[in-house]
Protein backbone atom coordinates (compact mmCIF):
# COMPACT_ATOMS: atom_id res chain seq x y z
CA MET A 1 -32.61 15.71 13.38
CA ALA A 2 -30.13 16.50 10.82
CA GLU A 3 -29.98 20.37 9.12
CA ALA A 4 -30.55 20.67 5.91
CA PRO A 5 -27.58 20.94 3.43
CA GLU A 6 -27.35 24.87 3.31
CA ASN A 7 -27.84 25.30 6.83
CA LEU A 8 -24.25 23.41 8.37
CA PRO A 9 -20.96 24.81 8.63
CA SER A 10 -18.71 24.77 5.73
CA GLY A 11 -17.11 20.85 5.45
CA ALA A 12 -20.52 19.19 6.29
CA GLY A 13 -22.60 21.17 4.18
CA GLU A 14 -19.88 20.35 1.14
CA VAL A 15 -20.31 16.69 1.91
CA ALA A 16 -23.97 16.65 2.28
CA GLU A 17 -24.51 18.64 -1.01
CA ALA A 18 -22.00 16.34 -2.71
CA TYR A 19 -23.24 13.04 -0.80
CA PRO A 20 -27.65 13.40 -0.98
CA ALA A 21 -27.72 10.18 -0.68
CA ILE A 22 -25.58 9.34 2.47
CA TRP A 23 -26.78 12.89 3.95
CA ALA A 24 -30.40 11.47 3.37
CA ALA A 25 -29.88 8.75 5.56
CA TYR A 26 -27.74 10.39 8.00
CA ALA A 27 -30.83 12.59 9.37
CA ALA A 28 -32.81 9.56 8.82
CA LEU A 29 -30.90 8.13 11.48
CA GLY A 30 -30.85 10.87 13.78
CA LYS A 31 -34.49 10.79 13.60
CA ALA A 32 -34.52 7.64 14.47
CA CYS A 33 -32.45 7.86 17.40
CA SER A 34 -34.36 11.07 18.61
CA GLU A 35 -37.66 9.71 18.09
CA ALA A 36 -36.31 5.92 19.65
CA GLY A 37 -36.94 6.78 23.57
CA PRO A 38 -38.82 8.90 26.02
CA LEU A 39 -37.00 12.42 25.77
CA ASP A 40 -38.66 15.39 25.07
CA ALA A 41 -37.08 18.14 22.67
CA ARG A 42 -36.12 20.20 25.09
CA THR A 43 -33.83 17.22 27.19
CA ARG A 44 -32.56 15.51 23.53
CA ARG A 45 -30.98 19.51 22.78
CA LEU A 46 -29.44 19.59 25.95
CA VAL A 47 -27.98 15.71 25.56
CA LYS A 48 -26.80 16.84 22.05
CA LEU A 49 -25.03 19.72 22.97
CA ALA A 50 -23.29 17.95 26.11
CA LEU A 51 -22.25 14.70 23.90
CA ALA A 52 -21.01 17.51 21.76
CA VAL A 53 -18.79 19.00 24.35
CA GLY A 54 -17.72 15.67 25.11
CA ALA A 55 -16.68 14.92 21.67
CA LEU A 56 -14.17 18.19 21.94
CA SER A 57 -16.34 19.47 18.71
CA GLU A 58 -16.68 23.14 18.38
CA GLY A 59 -18.69 22.74 14.89
CA ALA A 60 -20.89 20.74 16.85
CA VAL A 61 -21.19 22.81 19.90
CA HIS A 62 -21.92 25.42 18.02
CA SER A 63 -24.65 23.79 16.44
CA HIS A 64 -26.15 22.08 19.13
CA ALA A 65 -26.21 25.68 20.52
CA ARG A 66 -28.01 27.50 18.16
CA ARG A 67 -30.36 25.16 17.34
CA ALA A 68 -31.08 24.83 21.11
CA LEU A 69 -31.79 28.58 21.09
CA ALA A 70 -33.64 28.82 18.36
CA ASP A 71 -35.99 25.99 20.01
CA GLY A 72 -36.32 28.48 23.10
CA LEU A 73 -33.70 27.14 25.69
CA ALA A 74 -32.02 29.51 27.40
CA MET A 75 -28.21 30.66 27.37
CA GLU A 76 -28.01 30.01 31.13
CA GLU A 77 -29.09 26.54 30.43
CA LEU A 78 -26.35 25.88 27.89
CA LYS A 79 -23.50 27.52 30.09
CA GLN A 80 -24.55 25.23 32.64
CA VAL A 81 -23.56 21.93 30.01
CA ALA A 82 -20.43 23.51 29.86
CA LEU A 83 -19.83 23.77 33.54
CA LEU A 84 -21.64 20.52 34.28
CA ALA A 85 -18.38 19.17 32.01
CA ILE A 86 -15.44 20.68 34.51
CA PRO A 87 -15.55 17.27 37.14
CA THR A 88 -15.55 14.98 34.00
CA LEU A 89 -13.52 16.59 31.19
CA GLY A 90 -11.66 18.96 33.08
CA PHE A 91 -11.72 22.66 33.77
CA PRO A 92 -9.96 23.41 30.45
CA GLN A 93 -12.82 21.54 28.64
CA GLY A 94 -14.90 23.16 30.87
CA VAL A 95 -14.05 26.70 29.76
CA LYS A 96 -13.46 25.43 26.23
CA ALA A 97 -16.81 24.78 26.07
CA LEU A 98 -18.51 27.86 27.44
CA THR A 99 -16.50 30.03 24.93
CA TRP A 100 -17.92 27.75 22.45
CA ILE A 101 -21.07 28.38 23.27
CA GLU A 102 -20.70 32.08 23.71
CA ASP A 103 -19.75 32.21 20.44
CA ILE A 104 -23.06 31.61 18.95
CA THR A 105 -23.71 34.86 20.06
CA ASP A 106 -20.38 37.03 18.78
CA PRO A 107 -21.54 37.88 15.46
CA ALA A 108 -17.98 38.90 14.61
CA SER A 109 -17.82 34.94 15.50
CA SER A 110 -17.81 32.06 12.88
CA ASP A 111 -17.81 28.60 12.30
CA THR A 112 -14.65 27.76 10.85
CA ASP A 113 -14.53 23.95 12.33
CA THR A 114 -15.84 21.88 10.39
CA SER A 115 -16.00 18.64 12.86
CA GLN A 116 -19.04 17.34 13.34
C-alpha cells in the first residue's frame, strides 16, 4: 500500500499533498494490486524492491528497503535482491542497487531522488 504523504520523499510527498484525490486513487490501486493474489506480505515486499531495482529508481529502492526492514525482513535478504539483479540487469546496476539498499542504514544518507 502507498505511504502517507508525510512519509514520502520530497517530490512524491509534494504531489500527494497537492493532489490528494490522485494520491487516494493511487493508494487504492496499490491496495487492490496487493490483495489481488496469493503472495504473502514478505514476498510482496521483496518483489516490490526487485521491481524498484529493475526500474532504476533510487528513491523507490530506498522506500521499499525501508518498509521491508520495518516489516521485519533482514538486510541480507534485501541485499540478495540486489545480487539477483546482476545476471539480468548487469553488474553495475546490481552494485548500484546494493549501494542504494545500504544507503538506508547510513544516517548521513537522504532521499533526494524523487523518481518513484
